[in-house]
Amino acid sequence: MRQQPTLAWRMTLEERQRVSDGAGGFAETWATLGQLWADINTRGASDGRLDAGPSTKMRHRLVVRGADETSPMRPKIGQRLRTGSRVFVIHGVSEWDASGLYLEIWAEEEVLA
């Protein structure tokens, strides 16, 4: 049996939105959908590169409370979770176990080296 997750990290769930730039084009922004509490477990890392220089891509498994598939508070691929200056881009979401009490989120965080 799995150990109960410790939901100790307050996260902001965000979704990418396109807004008019006033000149006929669009700009991207992130809209806040709400707050979730998460358990964060690091699963690995690899080298990366940002415009600001070398970086490390950290892979994480996050666990949050379950939500129905129709709920706007159920994280989705392409959204992100933020806590402070840390940003976790969501790459996958599934039920943590058969009860559906928790969701498992696979995410990546890019950190400047």
PDB file of N, CA and C in Angstrom:
ATOM      1  N   MET A   1       0.828  -1.187   0.000  1.00  0.00           N
ATOM      2  CA  MET A   1       0.000   0.000   0.000  1.00  0.00           C
ATOM      3  C   MET A   1       0.872   1.250   0.000  1.00  0.00           C
ATOM      4  N   ARG A   2       0.457   2.242  -0.758  1.00  0.00           N
ATOM      5  CA  ARG A   2       1.216   3.495  -0.842  1.00  0.00           C
ATOM      6  C   ARG A   2       1.085   4.307   0.434  1.00  0.00           C
ATOM      7  N   GLN A   3       2.143   5.047   0.729  1.00  0.00           N
ATOM      8  CA  GLN A   3       2.126   5.950   1.871  1.00  0.00           C
ATOM      9  C   GLN A   3       1.290   7.181   1.515  1.00  0.00           C
ATOM     10  N   GLN A   4       0.500   7.647   2.461  1.00  0.00           N
ATOM     11  CA  GLN A   4      -0.344   8.829   2.263  1.00  0.00           C
ATOM     12  C   GLN A   4       0.538  10.021   1.880  1.00  0.00           C
ATOM     13  N   PRO A   5       0.198  10.780   0.833  1.00  0.00           N
ATOM     14  CA  PRO A   5       1.014  11.942   0.459  1.00  0.00           C
ATOM     15  C   PRO A   5       0.928  13.050   1.510  1.00  0.00           C
ATOM     16  N   THR A   6       1.991  13.814   1.617  1.00  0.00           N
ATOM     17  CA  THR A   6       2.028  14.975   2.513  1.00  0.00           C
ATOM     18  C   THR A   6       1.847  16.217   1.650  1.00  0.00           C
ATOM     19  N   LEU A   7       0.665  16.791   1.662  1.00  0.00           N
ATOM     20  CA  LEU A   7       0.341  17.944   0.811  1.00  0.00           C
ATOM     21  C   LEU A   7       0.816  19.224   1.503  1.00  0.00           C
ATOM     22  N   ALA A   8       2.119  19.477   1.415  1.00  0.00           N
ATOM     23  CA  ALA A   8       2.746  20.570   2.165  1.00  0.00           C
ATOM     24  C   ALA A   8       3.067  21.798   1.323  1.00  0.00           C
ATOM     25  N   TRP A   9       2.932  21.709   0.003  1.00  0.00           N
ATOM     26  CA  TRP A   9       3.303  22.814  -0.883  1.00  0.00           C
ATOM     27  C   TRP A   9       2.047  23.474  -1.439  1.00  0.00           C
ATOM     28  N   ARG A  10       1.866  24.754  -1.172  1.00  0.00           N
ATOM     29  CA  ARG A  10       0.741  25.495  -1.743  1.00  0.00           C
ATOM     30  C   ARG A  10       1.120  25.924  -3.152  1.00  0.00           C
ATOM     31  N   MET A  11       0.338  25.474  -4.126  1.00  0.00           N
ATOM     32  CA  MET A  11       0.638  25.712  -5.530  1.00  0.00           C
ATOM     33  C   MET A  11      -0.487  26.514  -6.171  1.00  0.00           C
ATOM     34  N   THR A  12      -0.127  27.333  -7.153  1.00  0.00           N
ATOM     35  CA  THR A  12      -1.102  28.061  -7.950  1.00  0.00           C
ATOM     36  C   THR A  12      -1.208  27.365  -9.301  1.00  0.00           C
ATOM     37  N   LEU A  13      -2.419  26.950  -9.666  1.00  0.00           N
ATOM     38  CA  LEU A  13      -2.663  26.334 -10.962  1.00  0.00           C
ATOM     39  C   LEU A  13      -2.901  27.443 -11.977  1.00  0.00           C
ATOM     40  N   GLU A  14      -2.146  27.415 -13.082  1.00  0.00           N
ATOM     41  CA  GLU A  14      -2.238  28.464 -14.105  1.00  0.00           C
ATOM     42  C   GLU A  14      -2.467  27.853 -15.484  1.00  0.00           C
ATOM     43  N   GLU A  15      -3.149  28.619 -16.322  1.00  0.00           N
ATOM     44  CA  GLU A  15      -3.433  28.195 -17.689  1.00  0.00           C
ATOM     45  C   GLU A  15      -2.999  29.293 -18.653  1.00  0.00           C
ATOM     46  N   ARG A  16      -2.374  28.884 -19.757  1.00  0.00           N
ATOM     47  CA  ARG A  16      -1.902  29.835 -20.770  1.00  0.00           C
ATOM     48  C   ARG A  16      -3.108  30.435 -21.494  1.00  0.00           C
ATOM     49  N   GLN A  17      -3.070  31.758 -21.688  1.00  0.00           N
ATOM     50  CA  GLN A  17      -4.121  32.436 -22.437  1.00  0.00           C
ATOM     51  C   GLN A  17      -3.483  33.401 -23.421  1.00  0.00           C
ATOM     52  N   ARG A  18      -4.170  33.554 -24.548  1.00  0.00           N
ATOM     53  CA  ARG A  18      -3.734  34.537 -25.545  1.00  0.00           C
ATOM     54  C   ARG A  18      -4.590  35.780 -25.382  1.00  0.00           C
ATOM     55  N   VAL A  19      -3.931  36.937 -25.329  1.00  0.00           N
ATOM     56  CA  VAL A  19      -4.656  38.203 -25.219  1.00  0.00           C
ATOM     57  C   VAL A  19      -4.216  39.109 -26.364  1.00  0.00           C
ATOM     58  N   SER A  20      -5.120  39.937 -26.805  1.00  0.00           N
ATOM     59  CA  SER A  20      -4.821  40.865 -27.888  1.00  0.00           C
ATOM     60  C   SER A  20      -3.709  41.817 -27.456  1.00  0.00           C
ATOM     61  N   ASP A  21      -2.777  42.082 -28.382  1.00  0.00           N
ATOM     62  CA  ASP A  21      -1.707  43.031 -28.071  1.00  0.00           C
ATOM     63  C   ASP A  21      -2.052  44.443 -28.529  1.00  0.00           C
ATOM     64  N   GLY A  22      -3.268  44.647 -29.075  1.00  0.00           N
ATOM     65  CA  GLY A  22      -3.712  45.966 -29.507  1.00  0.00           C
ATOM     66  C   GLY A  22      -3.224  46.352 -30.890  1.00  0.00           C
ATOM     67  N   ALA A  23      -2.407  45.497 -31.501  1.00  0.00           N
ATOM     68  CA  ALA A  23      -1.872  45.797 -32.829  1.00  0.00           C
ATOM     69  C   ALA A  23      -2.227  44.692 -33.824  1.00  0.00           C
ATOM     70  N   GLY A  24      -3.287  43.956 -33.537  1.00  0.00           N
ATOM     71  CA  GLY A  24      -3.720  42.897 -34.430  1.00  0.00           C
ATOM     72  C   GLY A  24      -3.119  41.539 -34.146  1.00  0.00           C
ATOM     73  N   GLY A  25      -2.245  41.477 -33.178  1.00  0.00           N
ATOM     74  CA  GLY A  25      -1.613  40.213 -32.825  1.00  0.00           C
ATOM     75  C   GLY A  25      -2.030  39.762 -31.434  1.00  0.00           C
ATOM     76  N   PHE A  26      -1.295  38.807 -30.920  1.00  0.00           N
ATOM     77  CA  PHE A  26      -1.594  38.270 -29.601  1.00  0.00           C
ATOM     78  C   PHE A  26      -0.327  38.146 -28.780  1.00  0.00           C
ATOM     79  N   ALA A  27      -0.507  38.231 -27.476  1.00  0.00           N
ATOM     80  CA  ALA A  27       0.566  37.969 -26.523  1.00  0.00           C
ATOM     81  C   ALA A  27       0.098  36.849 -25.605  1.00  0.00           C
ATOM     82  N   GLU A  28       1.045  36.098 -25.058  1.00  0.00           N
ATOM     83  CA  GLU A  28       0.698  35.035 -24.124  1.00  0.00           C
ATOM     84  C   GLU A  28       0.806  35.535 -22.707  1.00  0.00           C
ATOM     85  N   THR A  29      -0.127  35.094 -21.881  1.00  0.00           N
ATOM     86  CA  THR A  29      -0.094  35.391 -20.463  1.00  0.00           C
ATOM     87  C   THR A  29      -0.585  34.151 -19.723  1.00  0.00           C
ATOM     88  N   TRP A  30      -0.405  34.115 -18.429  1.00  0.00           N
ATOM     89  CA  TRP A  30      -0.851  32.978 -17.616  1.00  0.00           C
ATOM     90  C   TRP A  30      -1.932  33.462 -16.665  1.00  0.00           C
ATOM     91  N   ALA A  31      -3.077  32.803 -16.710  1.00  0.00           N
ATOM     92  CA  ALA A  31      -4.211  33.143 -15.852  1.00  0.00           C
ATOM     93  C   ALA A  31      -4.274  32.171 -14.680  1.00  0.00           C
ATOM     94  N   THR A  32      -4.531  32.683 -13.497  1.00  0.00           N
ATOM     95  CA  THR A  32      -4.667  31.859 -12.298  1.00  0.00           C
ATOM     96  C   THR A  32      -6.028  31.186 -12.279  1.00  0.00           C
ATOM     97  N   LEU A  33      -6.027  29.863 -12.075  1.00  0.00           N
ATOM     98  CA  LEU A  33      -7.271  29.099 -11.976  1.00  0.00           C
ATOM     99  C   LEU A  33      -7.648  28.826 -10.522  1.00  0.00           C
ATOM    100  N   GLY A  34      -6.660  28.756  -9.643  1.00  0.00           N
ATOM    101  CA  GLY A  34      -6.931  28.498  -8.232  1.00  0.00           C
ATOM    102  C   GLY A  34      -5.709  27.946  -7.521  1.00  0.00           C
ATOM    103  N   GLN A  35      -5.914  27.542  -6.275  1.00  0.00           N
ATOM    104  CA  GLN A  35      -4.840  27.050  -5.424  1.00  0.00           C
ATOM    105  C   GLN A  35      -5.024  25.555  -5.152  1.00  0.00           C
ATOM    106  N   LEU A  36      -3.917  24.819  -5.131  1.00  0.00           N
ATOM    107  CA  LEU A  36      -3.892  23.396  -4.794  1.00  0.00           C
ATOM    108  C   LEU A  36      -2.756  23.166  -3.798  1.00  0.00           C
ATOM    109  N   TRP A  37      -2.890  22.142  -2.990  1.00  0.00           N
ATOM    110  CA  TRP A  37      -1.806  21.718  -2.111  1.00  0.00           C
ATOM    111  C   TRP A  37      -1.202  20.452  -2.704  1.00  0.00           C
ATOM    112  N   ALA A  38       0.124  20.355  -2.703  1.00  0.00           N
ATOM    113  CA  ALA A  38       0.800  19.255  -3.381  1.00  0.00           C
ATOM    114  C   ALA A  38       1.913  18.634  -2.546  1.00  0.00           C
ATOM    115  N   ASP A  39       2.199  17.389  -2.856  1.00  0.00           N
ATOM    116  CA  ASP A  39       3.372  16.672  -2.385  1.00  0.00           C
ATOM    117  C   ASP A  39       4.311  16.634  -3.592  1.00  0.00           C
ATOM    118  N   ILE A  40       5.554  17.055  -3.437  1.00  0.00           N
ATOM    119  CA  ILE A  40       6.500  17.111  -4.557  1.00  0.00           C
ATOM    120  C   ILE A  40       7.626  16.111  -4.328  1.00  0.00           C
ATOM    121  N   ASN A  41       7.875  15.276  -5.339  1.00  0.00           N
ATOM    122  CA  ASN A  41       8.973  14.308  -5.304  1.00  0.00           C
ATOM    123  C   ASN A  41       9.800  14.454  -6.573  1.00  0.00           C
ATOM    124  N   THR A  42      11.089  14.733  -6.417  1.00  0.00           N
ATOM    125  CA  THR A  42      11.984  14.850  -7.569  1.00  0.00           C
ATOM    126  C   THR A  42      12.294  13.464  -8.101  1.00  0.00           C
ATOM    127  N   ARG A  43      12.235  13.319  -9.437  1.00  0.00           N
ATOM    128  CA  ARG A  43      12.445  12.023 -10.080  1.00  0.00           C
ATOM    129  C   ARG A  43      13.679  11.968 -10.958  1.00  0.00           C
ATOM    130  N   GLY A  44      14.276  13.107 -11.280  1.00  0.00           N
ATOM    131  CA  GLY A  44      15.466  13.078 -12.120  1.00  0.00           C
ATOM    132  C   GLY A  44      15.791  14.465 -12.631  1.00  0.00           C
ATOM    133  N   ALA A  45      16.903  14.556 -13.343  1.00  0.00           N
ATOM    134  CA  ALA A  45      17.356  15.840 -13.874  1.00  0.00           C
ATOM    135  C   ALA A  45      18.156  15.619 -15.146  1.00  0.00           C
ATOM    136  N   SER A  46      18.184  16.657 -15.989  1.00  0.00           N
ATOM    137  CA  SER A  46      19.010  16.622 -17.192  1.00  0.00           C
ATOM    138  C   SER A  46      19.457  18.046 -17.507  1.00  0.00           C
ATOM    139  N   ASP A  47      20.520  18.157 -18.314  1.00  0.00           N
ATOM    140  CA  ASP A  47      21.037  19.466 -18.708  1.00  0.00           C
ATOM    141  C   ASP A  47      20.092  20.111 -19.711  1.00  0.00           C
ATOM    142  N   GLY A  48      20.015  21.419 -19.655  1.00  0.00           N
ATOM    143  CA  GLY A  48      19.201  22.176 -20.589  1.00  0.00           C
ATOM    144  C   GLY A  48      19.873  23.498 -20.899  1.00  0.00           C
ATOM    145  N   ARG A  49      19.170  24.355 -21.615  1.00  0.00           N
ATOM    146  CA  ARG A  49      19.723  25.669 -21.944  1.00  0.00           C
ATOM    147  C   ARG A  49      18.576  26.651 -22.083  1.00  0.00           C
ATOM    148  N   LEU A  50      18.649  27.752 -21.341  1.00  0.00           N
ATOM    149  CA  LEU A  50      17.711  28.862 -21.449  1.00  0.00           C
ATOM    150  C   LEU A  50      18.428  30.035 -22.091  1.00  0.00           C
ATOM    151  N   ASP A  51      17.673  31.043 -22.510  1.00  0.00           N
ATOM    152  CA  ASP A  51      18.301  32.241 -23.085  1.00  0.00           C
ATOM    153  C   ASP A  51      19.296  32.863 -22.108  1.00  0.00           C
ATOM    154  N   ALA A  52      19.035  32.722 -20.806  1.00  0.00           N
ATOM    155  CA  ALA A  52      19.900  33.312 -19.789  1.00  0.00           C
ATOM    156  C   ALA A  52      21.141  32.474 -19.507  1.00  0.00           C
ATOM    157  N   GLY A  53      21.235  31.276 -20.101  1.00  0.00           N
ATOM    158  CA  GLY A  53      22.418  30.451 -19.902  1.00  0.00           C
ATOM    159  C   GLY A  53      22.074  29.005 -19.618  1.00  0.00           C
ATOM    160  N   PRO A  54      23.068  28.237 -19.135  1.00  0.00           N
ATOM    161  CA  PRO A  54      22.856  26.821 -18.861  1.00  0.00           C
ATOM    162  C   PRO A  54      21.776  26.623 -17.796  1.00  0.00           C
ATOM    163  N   SER A  55      21.079  25.505 -17.900  1.00  0.00           N
ATOM    164  CA  SER A  55      20.029  25.223 -16.932  1.00  0.00           C
ATOM    165  C   SER A  55      19.973  23.729 -16.661  1.00  0.00           C
ATOM    166  N   THR A  56      19.170  23.379 -15.681  1.00  0.00           N
ATOM    167  CA  THR A  56      18.885  21.990 -15.363  1.00  0.00           C
ATOM    168  C   THR A  56      17.388  21.799 -15.442  1.00  0.00           C
ATOM    169  N   LYS A  57      16.968  20.745 -16.135  1.00  0.00           N
ATOM    170  CA  LYS A  57      15.547  20.401 -16.194  1.00  0.00           C
ATOM    171  C   LYS A  57      15.300  19.332 -15.149  1.00  0.00           C
ATOM    172  N   MET A  58      14.510  19.685 -14.146  1.00  0.00           N
ATOM    173  CA  MET A  58      14.183  18.764 -13.068  1.00  0.00           C
ATOM    174  C   MET A  58      12.835  18.121 -13.361  1.00  0.00           C
ATOM    175  N   ARG A  59      12.761  16.788 -13.246  1.00  0.00           N
ATOM    176  CA  ARG A  59      11.498  16.070 -13.419  1.00  0.00           C
ATOM    177  C   ARG A  59      10.929  15.749 -12.049  1.00  0.00           C
ATOM    178  N   HIS A  60       9.638  16.015 -11.890  1.00  0.00           N
ATOM    179  CA  HIS A  60       8.988  15.822 -10.593  1.00  0.00           C
ATOM    180  C   HIS A  60       7.697  15.030 -10.752  1.00  0.00           C
ATOM    181  N   ARG A  61       7.335  14.336  -9.686  1.00  0.00           N
ATOM    182  CA  ARG A  61       6.011  13.744  -9.551  1.00  0.00           C
ATOM    183  C   ARG A  61       5.345  14.497  -8.412  1.00  0.00           C
ATOM    184  N   LEU A  62       4.225  15.132  -8.714  1.00  0.00           N
ATOM    185  CA  LEU A  62       3.461  15.852  -7.709  1.00  0.00           C
ATOM    186  C   LEU A  62       2.168  15.089  -7.454  1.00  0.00           C
ATOM    187  N   VAL A  63       1.687  15.110  -6.245  1.00  0.00           N
ATOM    188  CA  VAL A  63       0.418  14.502  -5.897  1.00  0.00           C
ATOM    189  C   VAL A  63      -0.463  15.594  -5.306  1.00  0.00           C
ATOM    190  N   VAL A  64      -1.690  15.709  -5.825  1.00  0.00           N
ATOM    191  CA  VAL A  64      -2.678  16.684  -5.337  1.00  0.00           C
ATOM    192  C   VAL A  64      -3.992  15.951  -5.082  1.00  0.00           C
ATOM    193  N   ARG A  65      -4.922  16.609  -4.419  1.00  0.00           N
ATOM    194  CA  ARG A  65      -6.237  16.005  -4.192  1.00  0.00           C
ATOM    195  C   ARG A  65      -6.929  15.742  -5.526  1.00  0.00           C
ATOM    196  N   GLY A  66      -7.704  14.680  -5.573  1.00  0.00           N
ATOM    197  CA  GLY A  66      -8.404  14.305  -6.788  1.00  0.00           C
ATOM    198  C   GLY A  66      -9.467  15.313  -7.185  1.00  0.00           C
ATOM    199  N   ALA A  67      -9.779  15.336  -8.464  1.00  0.00           N
ATOM    200  CA  ALA A  67     -10.826  16.208  -9.007  1.00  0.00           C
ATOM    201  C   ALA A  67     -11.429  15.495 -10.212  1.00  0.00           C
ATOM    202  N   ASP A  68     -12.731  15.643 -10.369  1.00  0.00           N
ATOM    203  CA  ASP A  68     -13.430  15.059 -11.505  1.00  0.00           C
ATOM    204  C   ASP A  68     -12.853  15.598 -12.804  1.00  0.00           C
ATOM    205  N   GLU A  69     -12.921  14.800 -13.868  1.00  0.00           N
ATOM    206  CA  GLU A  69     -12.353  15.214 -15.157  1.00  0.00           C
ATOM    207  C   GLU A  69     -12.999  16.471 -15.721  1.00  0.00           C
ATOM    208  N   THR A  70     -14.209  16.801 -15.281  1.00  0.00           N
ATOM    209  CA  THR A  70     -14.887  18.003 -15.771  1.00  0.00           C
ATOM    210  C   THR A  70     -14.602  19.237 -14.912  1.00  0.00           C
ATOM    211  N   SER A  71     -13.917  19.064 -13.799  1.00  0.00           N
ATOM    212  CA  SER A  71     -13.641  20.175 -12.890  1.00  0.00           C
ATOM    213  C   SER A  71     -12.571  21.110 -13.462  1.00  0.00           C
ATOM    214  N   PRO A  72     -12.785  22.424 -13.389  1.00  0.00           N
ATOM    215  CA  PRO A  72     -11.749  23.367 -13.844  1.00  0.00           C
ATOM    216  C   PRO A  72     -10.503  23.337 -12.952  1.00  0.00           C
ATOM    217  N   MET A  73     -10.616  22.727 -11.781  1.00  0.00           N
ATOM    218  CA  MET A  73      -9.472  22.635 -10.869  1.00  0.00           C
ATOM    219  C   MET A  73      -8.679  21.341 -11.052  1.00  0.00           C
ATOM    220  N   ARG A  74      -9.046  20.528 -12.036  1.00  0.00           N
ATOM    221  CA  ARG A  74      -8.252  19.331 -12.339  1.00  0.00           C
ATOM    222  C   ARG A  74      -7.130  19.751 -13.282  1.00  0.00           C
ATOM    223  N   PRO A  75      -5.879  19.613 -12.853  1.00  0.00           N
ATOM    224  CA  PRO A  75      -4.750  19.994 -13.711  1.00  0.00           C
ATOM    225  C   PRO A  75      -4.773  19.232 -15.030  1.00  0.00           C
ATOM    226  N   LYS A  76      -4.255  19.900 -16.085  1.00  0.00           N
ATOM    227  CA  LYS A  76      -4.220  19.314 -17.428  1.00  0.00           C
ATOM    228  C   LYS A  76      -2.841  19.524 -18.042  1.00  0.00           C
ATOM    229  N   ILE A  77      -2.543  18.691 -19.027  1.00  0.00           N
ATOM    230  CA  ILE A  77      -1.303  18.854 -19.783  1.00  0.00           C
ATOM    231  C   ILE A  77      -1.297  20.251 -20.407  1.00  0.00           C
ATOM    232  N   GLY A  78      -0.152  20.934 -20.335  1.00  0.00           N
ATOM    233  CA  GLY A  78      -0.014  22.274 -20.896  1.00  0.00           C
ATOM    234  C   GLY A  78      -0.237  23.380 -19.881  1.00  0.00           C
ATOM    235  N   GLN A  79      -0.886  23.049 -18.763  1.00  0.00           N
ATOM    236  CA  GLN A  79      -1.014  24.032 -17.685  1.00  0.00           C
ATOM    237  C   GLN A  79       0.271  23.988 -16.867  1.00  0.00           C
ATOM    238  N   ARG A  80       0.323  24.799 -15.820  1.00  0.00           N
ATOM    239  CA  ARG A  80       1.491  24.765 -14.958  1.00  0.00           C
ATOM    240  C   ARG A  80       1.082  25.020 -13.520  1.00  0.00           C
ATOM    241  N   LEU A  81       1.957  24.612 -12.618  1.00  0.00           N
ATOM    242  CA  LEU A  81       1.802  24.883 -11.195  1.00  0.00           C
ATOM    243  C   LEU A  81       2.963  25.765 -10.777  1.00  0.00           C
ATOM    244  N   ARG A  82       2.677  26.725  -9.914  1.00  0.00           N
ATOM    245  CA  ARG A  82       3.707  27.675  -9.468  1.00  0.00           C
ATOM    246  C   ARG A  82       3.670  27.755  -7.946  1.00  0.00           C
ATOM    247  N   THR A  83       4.856  27.796  -7.353  1.00  0.00           N
ATOM    248  CA  THR A  83       4.989  28.107  -5.940  1.00  0.00           C
ATOM    249  C   THR A  83       6.183  29.043  -5.811  1.00  0.00           C
ATOM    250  N   GLY A  84       5.929  30.270  -5.397  1.00  0.00           N
ATOM    251  CA  GLY A  84       6.989  31.271  -5.362  1.00  0.00           C
ATOM    252  C   GLY A  84       7.548  31.484  -6.755  1.00  0.00           C
ATOM    253  N   SER A  85       8.859  31.396  -6.900  1.00  0.00           N
ATOM    254  CA  SER A  85       9.486  31.567  -8.219  1.00  0.00           C
ATOM    255  C   SER A  85       9.631  30.241  -8.966  1.00  0.00           C
ATOM    256  N   ARG A  86       9.229  29.144  -8.348  1.00  0.00           N
ATOM    257  CA  ARG A  86       9.341  27.826  -8.990  1.00  0.00           C
ATOM    258  C   ARG A  86       8.119  27.580  -9.870  1.00  0.00           C
ATOM    259  N   VAL A  87       8.372  27.102 -11.108  1.00  0.00           N
ATOM    260  CA  VAL A  87       7.310  26.838 -12.073  1.00  0.00           C
ATOM    261  C   VAL A  87       7.442  25.395 -12.562  1.00  0.00           C
ATOM    262  N   PHE A  88       6.336  24.648 -12.503  1.00  0.00           N
ATOM    263  CA  PHE A  88       6.290  23.244 -12.891  1.00  0.00           C
ATOM    264  C   PHE A  88       5.339  23.099 -14.081  1.00  0.00           C
ATOM    265  N   VAL A  89       5.863  22.803 -15.261  1.00  0.00           N
ATOM    266  CA  VAL A  89       5.052  22.619 -16.468  1.00  0.00           C
ATOM    267  C   VAL A  89       4.509  21.194 -16.456  1.00  0.00           C
ATOM    268  N   ILE A  90       3.196  21.051 -16.608  1.00  0.00           N
ATOM    269  CA  ILE A  90       2.534  19.755 -16.498  1.00  0.00           C
ATOM    270  C   ILE A  90       2.624  18.989 -17.820  1.00  0.00           C
ATOM    271  N   HIS A  91       3.157  17.749 -17.732  1.00  0.00           N
ATOM    272  CA  HIS A  91       3.285  16.885 -18.906  1.00  0.00           C
ATOM    273  C   HIS A  91       2.352  15.681 -18.860  1.00  0.00           C
ATOM    274  N   GLY A  92       1.799  15.372 -17.694  1.00  0.00           N
ATOM    275  CA  GLY A  92       0.887  14.236 -17.582  1.00  0.00           C
ATOM    276  C   GLY A  92       0.118  14.263 -16.276  1.00  0.00           C
ATOM    277  N   VAL A  93      -1.125  13.748 -16.311  1.00  0.00           N
ATOM    278  CA  VAL A  93      -1.982  13.687 -15.122  1.00  0.00           C
ATOM    279  C   VAL A  93      -2.731  12.365 -15.137  1.00  0.00           C
ATOM    280  N   SER A  94      -2.760  11.680 -13.997  1.00  0.00           N
ATOM    281  CA  SER A  94      -3.533  10.445 -13.874  1.00  0.00           C
ATOM    282  C   SER A  94      -3.962  10.268 -12.421  1.00  0.00           C
ATOM    283  N   GLU A  95      -4.885   9.334 -12.200  1.00  0.00           N
ATOM    284  CA  GLU A  95      -5.284   9.029 -10.841  1.00  0.00           C
ATOM    285  C   GLU A  95      -4.109   8.379 -10.117  1.00  0.00           C
ATOM    286  N   TRP A  96      -3.928   8.727  -8.872  1.00  0.00           N
ATOM    287  CA  TRP A  96      -2.833   8.202  -8.058  1.00  0.00           C
ATOM    288  C   TRP A  96      -3.097   6.744  -7.690  1.00  0.00           C
ATOM    289  N   ASP A  97      -4.391   6.431  -7.450  1.00  0.00           N
ATOM    290  CA  ASP A  97      -4.787   5.049  -7.173  1.00  0.00           C
ATOM    291  C   ASP A  97      -6.244   4.863  -7.598  1.00  0.00           C
ATOM    292  N   ALA A  98      -6.762   3.676  -7.414  1.00  0.00           N
ATOM    293  CA  ALA A  98      -8.111   3.352  -7.884  1.00  0.00           C
ATOM    294  C   ALA A  98      -9.208   4.150  -7.185  1.00  0.00           C
ATOM    295  N   SER A  99      -8.954   4.664  -5.992  1.00  0.00           N
ATOM    296  CA  SER A  99      -9.984   5.412  -5.256  1.00  0.00           C
ATOM    297  C   SER A  99     -10.251   6.785  -5.872  1.00  0.00           C
ATOM    298  N   GLY A 100      -9.288   7.336  -6.621  1.00  0.00           N
ATOM    299  CA  GLY A 100      -9.436   8.661  -7.216  1.00  0.00           C
ATOM    300  C   GLY A 100      -9.313   9.794  -6.217  1.00  0.00           C
ATOM    301  N   LEU A 101      -8.894   9.473  -4.996  1.00  0.00           N
ATOM    302  CA  LEU A 101      -8.768  10.496  -3.953  1.00  0.00           C
ATOM    303  C   LEU A 101      -7.658  11.502  -4.270  1.00  0.00           C
ATOM    304  N   TYR A 102      -6.627  11.040  -4.983  1.00  0.00           N
ATOM    305  CA  TYR A 102      -5.500  11.899  -5.343  1.00  0.00           C
ATOM    306  C   TYR A 102      -5.197  11.765  -6.830  1.00  0.00           C
ATOM    307  N   LEU A 103      -4.559  12.804  -7.368  1.00  0.00           N
ATOM    308  CA  LEU A 103      -4.052  12.792  -8.741  1.00  0.00           C
ATOM    309  C   LEU A 103      -2.531  12.830  -8.703  1.00  0.00           C
ATOM    310  N   GLU A 104      -1.928  12.149  -9.659  1.00  0.00           N
ATOM    311  CA  GLU A 104      -0.484  12.152  -9.831  1.00  0.00           C
ATOM    312  C   GLU A 104      -0.181  13.019 -11.044  1.00  0.00           C
ATOM    313  N   ILE A 105       0.728  13.965 -10.882  1.00  0.00           N
ATOM    314  CA  ILE A 105       1.085  14.898 -11.952  1.00  0.00           C
ATOM    315  C   ILE A 105       2.568  14.737 -12.256  1.00  0.00           C
ATOM    316  N   TRP A 106       2.874  14.568 -13.541  1.00  0.00           N
ATOM    317  CA  TRP A 106       4.270  14.527 -13.977  1.00  0.00           C
ATOM    318  C   TRP A 106       4.594  15.887 -14.566  1.00  0.00           C
ATOM    319  N   ALA A 107       5.613  16.533 -14.015  1.00  0.00           N
ATOM    320  CA  ALA A 107       5.918  17.908 -14.406  1.00  0.00           C
ATOM    321  C   ALA A 107       7.422  18.116 -14.512  1.00  0.00           C
ATOM    322  N   GLU A 108       7.779  19.197 -15.203  1.00  0.00           N
ATOM    323  CA  GLU A 108       9.190  19.548 -15.374  1.00  0.00           C
ATOM    324  C   GLU A 108       9.400  20.983 -14.908  1.00  0.00           C
ATOM    325  N   GLU A 109      10.490  21.182 -14.209  1.00  0.00           N
ATOM    326  CA  GLU A 109      10.882  22.512 -13.720  1.00  0.00           C
ATOM    327  C   GLU A 109      12.244  22.822 -14.309  1.00  0.00           C
ATOM    328  N   GLU A 110      12.391  24.000 -14.892  1.00  0.00           N
ATOM    329  CA  GLU A 110      13.694  24.395 -15.458  1.00  0.00           C
ATOM    330  C   GLU A 110      14.341  25.418 -14.527  1.00  0.00           C
ATOM    331  N   VAL A 111      15.570  25.131 -14.129  1.00  0.00           N
ATOM    332  CA  VAL A 111      16.284  25.950 -13.161  1.00  0.00           C
ATOM    333  C   VAL A 111      17.600  26.418 -13.779  1.00  0.00           C
ATOM    334  N   LEU A 112      17.889  27.708 -13.699  1.00  0.00           N
ATOM    335  CA  LEU A 112      19.186  28.217 -14.185  1.00  0.00           C
ATOM    336  C   LEU A 112      20.314  27.634 -13.368  1.00  0.00           C
ATOM    337  N   ALA A 113      21.370  27.231 -14.050  1.00  0.00           N
ATOM    338  CA  ALA A 113      22.521  26.631 -13.358  1.00  0.00           C
ATOM    339  C   ALA A 113      23.406  27.702 -12.760  1.00  0.00           C
TER     340      ALA A 113
END
